[in-house]
Amino acid sequence: MAESDLDFHKLQFEFTAHLRDPDNNPAPKGIEDRRLEIYRDLLYRNIEGFLANSFPVLRSITADHQWHAMVRHYFAQHRARTPLFPKLPQEFLRYLADQRDLHTCPPFLQELVHYEWLELEVSLDKRDIHATLLGENANCLTGVPVLNPTVRAHSYKFPVHRIGPNFQPIEVGVEPTYLAVYRDREDEVRFMLLNPISARLIDLIAQDNNVIGQCLLNQIADELSHPNPEVVVSGGDEILVELRRCDVLLGARDA
């Protein structure tokens, strides 16, 4: 490699290192600080603004100085695996998991960020649920339930769907919080609070797409060692109807 190329690469490294962390990396020689300030401000504002819009609840409960300190630390220290801007929220999740000292942060921070990230993932999911919509009267108990492909179901230790300026829990909930995030037939992102049975039912439907609803509910009754499986099946049938009504399920097909 020519010496001029090495010098240029060195300049690039110094330039980008300074933009990411100007407090700890001096600016390259020969570049007017007034010009550098334009780039420093532009890059930080782009990153900060995108994260604030991606995680509005987190931003609303975080003091300005704490928020900007966290974003600047992320910008300076995190090494992203992708240059794609829509993947920036996922990179922020990785940052929190891998590099961020969370001792001074709310205990629910990572779960809240994950929950808000799920909404983004669903909104960006390009799959068309209209292509797989089945008859509204399809019986999900006697047929094979068809899961909306945009559904993201997850369990949390904290009730993340309730967190906001007026509610910031310190301790985990007595029971896990089960939530589904998905896009309905109107292309609106929706949220559904699940119970353990409906959460398990969605999990089973996602695992095996060739089992009728009644068999899935019988399996859940066995897992619960329920003395009256028919009670689980009856209640589960109501759950299937509700999941279908809300577009979590798109209908049913023959086994």
C-alpha atoms as a PDB file:
ATOM      1  CA  MET A   1       0.000   0.000   0.000  1.00  0.00           C
ATOM      2  CA  ALA A   2       1.348   3.418  -0.949  1.00  0.00           C
ATOM      3  CA  GLU A   3       2.377   5.806   1.798  1.00  0.00           C
ATOM      4  CA  SER A   4      -0.253   8.292   0.636  1.00  0.00           C
ATOM      5  CA  ASP A   5      -2.949   5.630   1.113  1.00  0.00           C
ATOM      6  CA  LEU A   6      -1.707   4.899   4.613  1.00  0.00           C
ATOM      7  CA  ASP A   7      -1.762   8.586   5.456  1.00  0.00           C
ATOM      8  CA  PHE A   8      -5.322   8.889   4.149  1.00  0.00           C
ATOM      9  CA  HIS A   9      -6.514   5.876   6.150  1.00  0.00           C
ATOM     10  CA  LYS A  10      -4.876   7.313   9.248  1.00  0.00           C
ATOM     11  CA  LEU A  11      -6.663  10.598   8.645  1.00  0.00           C
ATOM     12  CA  GLN A  12      -9.989   8.801   8.204  1.00  0.00           C
ATOM     13  CA  PHE A  13      -9.512   6.907  11.449  1.00  0.00           C
ATOM     14  CA  GLU A  14      -8.608  10.059  13.372  1.00  0.00           C
ATOM     15  CA  PHE A  15     -11.536  11.916  11.828  1.00  0.00           C
ATOM     16  CA  THR A  16     -14.176   9.299  12.655  1.00  0.00           C
ATOM     17  CA  ALA A  17     -12.741   8.625  16.114  1.00  0.00           C
ATOM     18  CA  HIS A  18     -12.980  12.332  16.867  1.00  0.00           C
ATOM     19  CA  LEU A  19     -16.557  12.552  15.629  1.00  0.00           C
ATOM     20  CA  ARG A  20     -17.604   9.605  17.782  1.00  0.00           C
ATOM     21  CA  ASP A  21     -15.786  10.692  20.930  1.00  0.00           C
ATOM     22  CA  PRO A  22     -14.359  14.219  20.675  1.00  0.00           C
ATOM     23  CA  ASP A  23     -13.579  14.401  24.400  1.00  0.00           C
ATOM     24  CA  ASN A  24     -11.068  11.565  24.179  1.00  0.00           C
ATOM     25  CA  ASN A  25      -9.866  11.764  20.569  1.00  0.00           C
ATOM     26  CA  PRO A  26      -8.203  14.942  19.275  1.00  0.00           C
ATOM     27  CA  ALA A  27      -9.220  16.312  15.907  1.00  0.00           C
ATOM     28  CA  PRO A  28      -6.969  15.669  12.913  1.00  0.00           C
ATOM     29  CA  LYS A  29      -4.476  18.425  12.312  1.00  0.00           C
ATOM     30  CA  GLY A  30      -5.221  20.944   9.627  1.00  0.00           C
ATOM     31  CA  ILE A  31      -9.032  20.829   9.823  1.00  0.00           C
ATOM     32  CA  GLU A  32     -10.794  23.918  11.054  1.00  0.00           C
ATOM     33  CA  ASP A  33     -12.777  23.218  14.242  1.00  0.00           C
ATOM     34  CA  ARG A  34     -15.703  25.254  12.941  1.00  0.00           C
ATOM     35  CA  ARG A  35     -16.087  22.751  10.117  1.00  0.00           C
ATOM     36  CA  LEU A  36     -15.660  19.770  12.423  1.00  0.00           C
ATOM     37  CA  GLU A  37     -18.358  21.098  14.707  1.00  0.00           C
ATOM     38  CA  ILE A  38     -20.862  20.856  11.859  1.00  0.00           C
ATOM     39  CA  TYR A  39     -20.152  17.143  11.480  1.00  0.00           C
ATOM     40  CA  ARG A  40     -20.016  16.491  15.228  1.00  0.00           C
ATOM     41  CA  ASP A  41     -23.381  18.123  15.728  1.00  0.00           C
ATOM     42  CA  LEU A  42     -25.006  16.577  12.658  1.00  0.00           C
ATOM     43  CA  LEU A  43     -23.995  12.998  13.426  1.00  0.00           C
ATOM     44  CA  TYR A  44     -24.912  13.159  17.091  1.00  0.00           C
ATOM     45  CA  ARG A  45     -28.265  14.799  16.426  1.00  0.00           C
ATOM     46  CA  ASN A  46     -29.128  12.148  13.843  1.00  0.00           C
ATOM     47  CA  ILE A  47     -28.309   9.297  16.221  1.00  0.00           C
ATOM     48  CA  GLU A  48     -29.937  10.905  19.251  1.00  0.00           C
ATOM     49  CA  GLY A  49     -33.082  11.888  17.374  1.00  0.00           C
ATOM     50  CA  PHE A  50     -33.529   8.447  15.846  1.00  0.00           C
ATOM     51  CA  LEU A  51     -33.133   6.716  19.207  1.00  0.00           C
ATOM     52  CA  ALA A  52     -35.516   9.155  20.898  1.00  0.00           C
ATOM     53  CA  ASN A  53     -38.159   8.451  18.251  1.00  0.00           C
ATOM     54  CA  SER A  54     -37.522   4.703  18.430  1.00  0.00           C
ATOM     55  CA  PHE A  55     -37.834   4.520  22.215  1.00  0.00           C
ATOM     56  CA  PRO A  56     -40.331   7.244  23.174  1.00  0.00           C
ATOM     57  CA  VAL A  57     -41.251   5.744  26.542  1.00  0.00           C
ATOM     58  CA  LEU A  58     -37.614   5.366  27.560  1.00  0.00           C
ATOM     59  CA  ARG A  59     -36.945   8.941  26.497  1.00  0.00           C
ATOM     60  CA  SER A  60     -39.953  10.253  28.426  1.00  0.00           C
ATOM     61  CA  ILE A  61     -38.793   8.733  31.720  1.00  0.00           C
ATOM     62  CA  THR A  62     -35.094   9.563  31.385  1.00  0.00           C
ATOM     63  CA  ALA A  63     -33.698  12.904  32.536  1.00  0.00           C
ATOM     64  CA  ASP A  64     -32.002  14.928  29.810  1.00  0.00           C
ATOM     65  CA  HIS A  65     -28.497  14.632  31.241  1.00  0.00           C
ATOM     66  CA  GLN A  66     -28.846  10.872  31.712  1.00  0.00           C
ATOM     67  CA  TRP A  67     -30.287  10.376  28.255  1.00  0.00           C
ATOM     68  CA  HIS A  68     -27.569  12.319  26.466  1.00  0.00           C
ATOM     69  CA  ALA A  69     -24.838  10.659  28.525  1.00  0.00           C
ATOM     70  CA  MET A  70     -26.174   7.238  27.533  1.00  0.00           C
ATOM     71  CA  VAL A  71     -26.506   8.130  23.841  1.00  0.00           C
ATOM     72  CA  ARG A  72     -23.030   9.661  23.725  1.00  0.00           C
ATOM     73  CA  HIS A  73     -21.545   6.592  25.408  1.00  0.00           C
ATOM     74  CA  TYR A  74     -23.350   4.365  22.912  1.00  0.00           C
ATOM     75  CA  PHE A  75     -22.143   6.481  19.990  1.00  0.00           C
ATOM     76  CA  ALA A  76     -18.564   6.481  21.256  1.00  0.00           C
ATOM     77  CA  GLN A  77     -18.177   2.890  22.437  1.00  0.00           C
ATOM     78  CA  HIS A  78     -20.539   0.596  20.542  1.00  0.00           C
ATOM     79  CA  ARG A  79     -19.326  -1.171  17.418  1.00  0.00           C
ATOM     80  CA  ALA A  80     -22.329  -1.858  15.220  1.00  0.00           C
ATOM     81  CA  ARG A  81     -22.623  -4.968  13.086  1.00  0.00           C
ATOM     82  CA  THR A  82     -24.624  -3.219  10.394  1.00  0.00           C
ATOM     83  CA  PRO A  83     -24.595   0.248   8.779  1.00  0.00           C
ATOM     84  CA  LEU A  84     -28.366   0.176   8.156  1.00  0.00           C
ATOM     85  CA  PHE A  85     -30.208   2.939   9.992  1.00  0.00           C
ATOM     86  CA  PRO A  86     -33.411   0.886  10.589  1.00  0.00           C
ATOM     87  CA  LYS A  87     -31.241  -1.590  12.521  1.00  0.00           C
ATOM     88  CA  LEU A  88     -29.994   1.113  14.882  1.00  0.00           C
ATOM     89  CA  PRO A  89     -32.562   0.263  17.607  1.00  0.00           C
ATOM     90  CA  GLN A  90     -31.439  -3.376  17.559  1.00  0.00           C
ATOM     91  CA  GLU A  91     -27.844  -2.216  17.898  1.00  0.00           C
ATOM     92  CA  PHE A  92     -28.903  -0.161  20.910  1.00  0.00           C
ATOM     93  CA  LEU A  93     -30.315  -3.355  22.423  1.00  0.00           C
ATOM     94  CA  ARG A  94     -26.961  -5.054  21.867  1.00  0.00           C
ATOM     95  CA  TYR A  95     -25.202  -2.118  23.452  1.00  0.00           C
ATOM     96  CA  LEU A  96     -27.329  -2.358  26.577  1.00  0.00           C
ATOM     97  CA  ALA A  97     -26.737  -6.101  26.813  1.00  0.00           C
ATOM     98  CA  ASP A  98     -23.009  -6.091  26.092  1.00  0.00           C
ATOM     99  CA  GLN A  99     -21.408  -2.821  27.044  1.00  0.00           C
ATOM    100  CA  ARG A 100     -23.605  -0.644  29.195  1.00  0.00           C
ATOM    101  CA  ASP A 101     -23.097  -0.535  32.968  1.00  0.00           C
ATOM    102  CA  LEU A 102     -26.690  -0.861  34.156  1.00  0.00           C
ATOM    103  CA  HIS A 103     -26.132  -0.508  37.896  1.00  0.00           C
ATOM    104  CA  THR A 104     -27.389   3.081  37.927  1.00  0.00           C
ATOM    105  CA  CYS A 105     -30.214   2.457  35.443  1.00  0.00           C
ATOM    106  CA  PRO A 106     -33.797   1.380  36.195  1.00  0.00           C
ATOM    107  CA  PRO A 107     -34.003  -2.398  36.650  1.00  0.00           C
ATOM    108  CA  PHE A 108     -36.593  -2.631  33.882  1.00  0.00           C
ATOM    109  CA  LEU A 109     -34.476  -0.761  31.312  1.00  0.00           C
ATOM    110  CA  GLN A 110     -33.507  -3.662  29.066  1.00  0.00           C
ATOM    111  CA  GLU A 111     -37.002  -5.154  29.050  1.00  0.00           C
ATOM    112  CA  LEU A 112     -38.617  -1.803  28.247  1.00  0.00           C
ATOM    113  CA  VAL A 113     -36.215  -1.202  25.371  1.00  0.00           C
ATOM    114  CA  HIS A 114     -36.873  -4.704  24.051  1.00  0.00           C
ATOM    115  CA  TYR A 115     -40.634  -4.118  24.189  1.00  0.00           C
ATOM    116  CA  GLU A 116     -40.358  -0.834  22.300  1.00  0.00           C
ATOM    117  CA  TRP A 117     -38.018  -2.473  19.801  1.00  0.00           C
ATOM    118  CA  LEU A 118     -40.620  -5.182  19.101  1.00  0.00           C
ATOM    119  CA  GLU A 119     -43.038  -2.493  17.965  1.00  0.00           C
ATOM    120  CA  LEU A 120     -40.447  -1.246  15.484  1.00  0.00           C
ATOM    121  CA  GLU A 121     -39.744  -4.761  14.217  1.00  0.00           C
ATOM    122  CA  VAL A 122     -43.430  -5.392  13.611  1.00  0.00           C
ATOM    123  CA  SER A 123     -43.918  -2.056  11.863  1.00  0.00           C
ATOM    124  CA  LEU A 124     -41.008  -2.829   9.510  1.00  0.00           C
ATOM    125  CA  ASP A 125     -42.072  -6.421   8.795  1.00  0.00           C
ATOM    126  CA  LYS A 126     -42.779  -6.509   5.067  1.00  0.00           C
ATOM    127  CA  ARG A 127     -44.845  -9.676   5.051  1.00  0.00           C
ATOM    128  CA  ASP A 128     -48.370  -9.164   3.737  1.00  0.00           C
ATOM    129  CA  ILE A 129     -50.906 -10.783   6.038  1.00  0.00           C
ATOM    130  CA  HIS A 130     -53.659 -10.237   3.459  1.00  0.00           C
ATOM    131  CA  ALA A 131     -52.078 -12.894   1.289  1.00  0.00           C
ATOM    132  CA  THR A 132     -52.785 -15.527   3.942  1.00  0.00           C
ATOM    133  CA  LEU A 133     -56.102 -14.338   5.379  1.00  0.00           C
ATOM    134  CA  LEU A 134     -58.561 -17.208   5.695  1.00  0.00           C
ATOM    135  CA  GLY A 135     -62.285 -17.296   6.156  1.00  0.00           C
ATOM    136  CA  GLU A 136     -63.560 -15.340   9.152  1.00  0.00           C
ATOM    137  CA  ASN A 137     -65.729 -18.271  10.184  1.00  0.00           C
ATOM    138  CA  ALA A 138     -62.906 -20.825  10.048  1.00  0.00           C
ATOM    139  CA  ASN A 139     -62.946 -22.929  13.213  1.00  0.00           C
ATOM    140  CA  CYS A 140     -59.581 -22.720  14.957  1.00  0.00           C
ATOM    141  CA  LEU A 141     -60.556 -25.471  17.391  1.00  0.00           C
ATOM    142  CA  THR A 142     -61.275 -28.175  14.821  1.00  0.00           C
ATOM    143  CA  GLY A 143     -58.867 -26.802  12.212  1.00  0.00           C
ATOM    144  CA  VAL A 144     -55.190 -25.867  12.217  1.00  0.00           C
ATOM    145  CA  PRO A 145     -54.836 -22.296  13.550  1.00  0.00           C
ATOM    146  CA  VAL A 146     -52.834 -20.035  11.235  1.00  0.00           C
ATOM    147  CA  LEU A 147     -50.689 -17.508  13.081  1.00  0.00           C
ATOM    148  CA  ASN A 148     -50.288 -13.965  11.816  1.00  0.00           C
ATOM    149  CA  PRO A 149     -46.643 -13.963  10.620  1.00  0.00           C
ATOM    150  CA  THR A 150     -46.004 -10.524  12.121  1.00  0.00           C
ATOM    151  CA  VAL A 151     -46.781 -11.682  15.670  1.00  0.00           C
ATOM    152  CA  ARG A 152     -43.975 -11.271  18.190  1.00  0.00           C
ATOM    153  CA  ALA A 153     -44.859 -12.776  21.581  1.00  0.00           C
ATOM    154  CA  HIS A 154     -42.614 -12.347  24.579  1.00  0.00           C
ATOM    155  CA  SER A 155     -42.645 -12.656  28.364  1.00  0.00           C
ATOM    156  CA  TYR A 156     -41.232 -10.007  30.680  1.00  0.00           C
ATOM    157  CA  LYS A 157     -40.432  -9.891  34.378  1.00  0.00           C
ATOM    158  CA  PHE A 158     -41.737  -6.330  34.527  1.00  0.00           C
ATOM    159  CA  PRO A 159     -45.131  -5.049  33.275  1.00  0.00           C
ATOM    160  CA  VAL A 160     -43.419  -3.110  30.502  1.00  0.00           C
ATOM    161  CA  HIS A 161     -46.680  -2.113  28.801  1.00  0.00           C
ATOM    162  CA  ARG A 162     -47.578   0.025  31.834  1.00  0.00           C
ATOM    163  CA  ILE A 163     -44.244   1.782  32.296  1.00  0.00           C
ATOM    164  CA  GLY A 164     -44.295   5.545  31.830  1.00  0.00           C
ATOM    165  CA  PRO A 165     -43.668   8.813  33.672  1.00  0.00           C
ATOM    166  CA  ASN A 166     -46.201   7.838  36.360  1.00  0.00           C
ATOM    167  CA  PHE A 167     -45.256   4.181  36.755  1.00  0.00           C
ATOM    168  CA  GLN A 168     -41.693   2.923  37.079  1.00  0.00           C
ATOM    169  CA  PRO A 169     -41.545  -0.326  39.092  1.00  0.00           C
ATOM    170  CA  ILE A 170     -38.508  -1.185  41.160  1.00  0.00           C
ATOM    171  CA  GLU A 171     -39.274  -4.877  41.650  1.00  0.00           C
ATOM    172  CA  VAL A 172     -40.373  -7.522  39.176  1.00  0.00           C
ATOM    173  CA  GLY A 173     -44.020  -8.486  38.987  1.00  0.00           C
ATOM    174  CA  VAL A 174     -45.473 -11.354  40.993  1.00  0.00           C
ATOM    175  CA  GLU A 175     -46.163 -13.145  37.709  1.00  0.00           C
ATOM    176  CA  PRO A 176     -44.509 -12.746  34.310  1.00  0.00           C
ATOM    177  CA  THR A 177     -46.129 -10.350  31.861  1.00  0.00           C
ATOM    178  CA  TYR A 178     -46.961 -11.958  28.515  1.00  0.00           C
ATOM    179  CA  LEU A 179     -47.424  -9.656  25.546  1.00  0.00           C
ATOM    180  CA  ALA A 180     -47.996 -10.030  21.828  1.00  0.00           C
ATOM    181  CA  VAL A 181     -47.128  -7.301  19.346  1.00  0.00           C
ATOM    182  CA  TYR A 182     -48.410  -7.650  15.801  1.00  0.00           C
ATOM    183  CA  ARG A 183     -49.825  -5.875  12.753  1.00  0.00           C
ATOM    184  CA  ASP A 184     -53.515  -6.301  12.005  1.00  0.00           C
ATOM    185  CA  ARG A 185     -55.317  -6.395   8.647  1.00  0.00           C
ATOM    186  CA  GLU A 186     -55.499  -2.592   8.661  1.00  0.00           C
ATOM    187  CA  ASP A 187     -51.692  -2.511   8.905  1.00  0.00           C
ATOM    188  CA  GLU A 188     -51.876  -1.011  12.385  1.00  0.00           C
ATOM    189  CA  VAL A 189     -49.453  -2.179  15.069  1.00  0.00           C
ATOM    190  CA  ARG A 190     -51.399  -3.707  17.964  1.00  0.00           C
ATOM    191  CA  PHE A 191     -50.552  -4.951  21.422  1.00  0.00           C
ATOM    192  CA  MET A 192     -52.278  -7.730  23.335  1.00  0.00           C
ATOM    193  CA  LEU A 193     -51.856  -8.692  26.962  1.00  0.00           C
ATOM    194  CA  LEU A 194     -51.821 -12.479  27.211  1.00  0.00           C
ATOM    195  CA  ASN A 195     -52.356 -14.920  30.042  1.00  0.00           C
ATOM    196  CA  PRO A 196     -50.146 -17.995  30.514  1.00  0.00           C
ATOM    197  CA  ILE A 197     -52.512 -20.227  28.523  1.00  0.00           C
ATOM    198  CA  SER A 198     -52.900 -17.882  25.553  1.00  0.00           C
ATOM    199  CA  ALA A 199     -49.145 -17.251  25.547  1.00  0.00           C
ATOM    200  CA  ARG A 200     -48.428 -20.981  25.547  1.00  0.00           C
ATOM    201  CA  LEU A 201     -51.044 -21.536  22.853  1.00  0.00           C
ATOM    202  CA  ILE A 202     -49.397 -18.980  20.552  1.00  0.00           C
ATOM    203  CA  ASP A 203     -46.034 -20.580  21.263  1.00  0.00           C
ATOM    204  CA  LEU A 204     -47.327 -24.027  20.280  1.00  0.00           C
ATOM    205  CA  ILE A 205     -49.006 -22.740  17.131  1.00  0.00           C
ATOM    206  CA  ALA A 206     -45.737 -21.101  16.105  1.00  0.00           C
ATOM    207  CA  GLN A 207     -43.794 -24.328  16.734  1.00  0.00           C
ATOM    208  CA  ASP A 208     -45.976 -26.730  14.769  1.00  0.00           C
ATOM    209  CA  ASN A 209     -48.248 -25.509  11.998  1.00  0.00           C
ATOM    210  CA  ASN A 210     -50.059 -28.782  11.358  1.00  0.00           C
ATOM    211  CA  VAL A 211     -51.895 -29.464  14.636  1.00  0.00           C
ATOM    212  CA  ILE A 212     -55.550 -28.621  15.225  1.00  0.00           C
ATOM    213  CA  GLY A 213     -56.481 -26.260  18.028  1.00  0.00           C
ATOM    214  CA  GLN A 214     -58.168 -28.892  20.187  1.00  0.00           C
ATOM    215  CA  CYS A 215     -55.023 -31.042  20.243  1.00  0.00           C
ATOM    216  CA  LEU A 216     -52.945 -28.039  21.235  1.00  0.00           C
ATOM    217  CA  LEU A 217     -55.312 -27.264  24.097  1.00  0.00           C
ATOM    218  CA  ASN A 218     -55.267 -30.888  25.232  1.00  0.00           C
ATOM    219  CA  GLN A 219     -51.476 -30.670  25.323  1.00  0.00           C
ATOM    220  CA  ILE A 220     -51.685 -27.557  27.495  1.00  0.00           C
ATOM    221  CA  ALA A 221     -54.117 -29.336  29.837  1.00  0.00           C
ATOM    222  CA  ASP A 222     -51.625 -32.205  30.136  1.00  0.00           C
ATOM    223  CA  GLU A 223     -48.789 -29.776  30.866  1.00  0.00           C
ATOM    224  CA  LEU A 224     -50.890 -28.195  33.604  1.00  0.00           C
ATOM    225  CA  SER A 225     -51.974 -31.592  34.952  1.00  0.00           C
ATOM    226  CA  HIS A 226     -55.465 -30.125  34.939  1.00  0.00           C
ATOM    227  CA  PRO A 227     -58.058 -32.453  36.517  1.00  0.00           C
ATOM    228  CA  ASN A 228     -60.687 -31.387  33.962  1.00  0.00           C
ATOM    229  CA  PRO A 229     -59.105 -31.039  30.500  1.00  0.00           C
ATOM    230  CA  GLU A 230     -62.464 -30.127  29.005  1.00  0.00           C
ATOM    231  CA  VAL A 231     -62.395 -26.907  31.042  1.00  0.00           C
ATOM    232  CA  VAL A 232     -59.080 -25.956  29.447  1.00  0.00           C
ATOM    233  CA  VAL A 233     -60.403 -26.815  25.992  1.00  0.00           C
ATOM    234  CA  SER A 234     -63.581 -24.806  26.525  1.00  0.00           C
ATOM    235  CA  GLY A 235     -61.693 -21.777  27.811  1.00  0.00           C
ATOM    236  CA  GLY A 236     -59.089 -22.225  25.115  1.00  0.00           C
ATOM    237  CA  ASP A 237     -61.758 -22.189  22.426  1.00  0.00           C
ATOM    238  CA  GLU A 238     -62.804 -18.745  23.638  1.00  0.00           C
ATOM    239  CA  ILE A 239     -59.167 -17.664  23.476  1.00  0.00           C
ATOM    240  CA  LEU A 240     -58.887 -18.909  19.896  1.00  0.00           C
ATOM    241  CA  VAL A 241     -61.987 -16.947  18.913  1.00  0.00           C
ATOM    242  CA  GLU A 242     -60.575 -13.786  20.496  1.00  0.00           C
ATOM    243  CA  LEU A 243     -57.164 -14.257  18.882  1.00  0.00           C
ATOM    244  CA  ARG A 244     -58.912 -14.641  15.541  1.00  0.00           C
ATOM    245  CA  ARG A 245     -61.055 -11.562  16.108  1.00  0.00           C
ATOM    246  CA  CYS A 246     -57.977  -9.470  16.852  1.00  0.00           C
ATOM    247  CA  ASP A 247     -55.995 -10.811  13.857  1.00  0.00           C
ATOM    248  CA  VAL A 248     -53.395 -12.574  15.984  1.00  0.00           C
ATOM    249  CA  LEU A 249     -54.700 -15.634  14.172  1.00  0.00           C
ATOM    250  CA  LEU A 250     -55.624 -15.310  10.516  1.00  0.00           C
ATOM    251  CA  GLY A 251     -58.040 -18.226  10.565  1.00  0.00           C
ATOM    252  CA  ALA A 252     -57.684 -21.980  10.242  1.00  0.00           C
ATOM    253  CA  ARG A 253     -57.056 -24.570   7.583  1.00  0.00           C
ATOM    254  CA  ASP A 254     -57.602 -28.297   7.286  1.00  0.00           C
ATOM    255  CA  ALA A 255     -55.050 -30.580   8.905  1.00  0.00           C
END
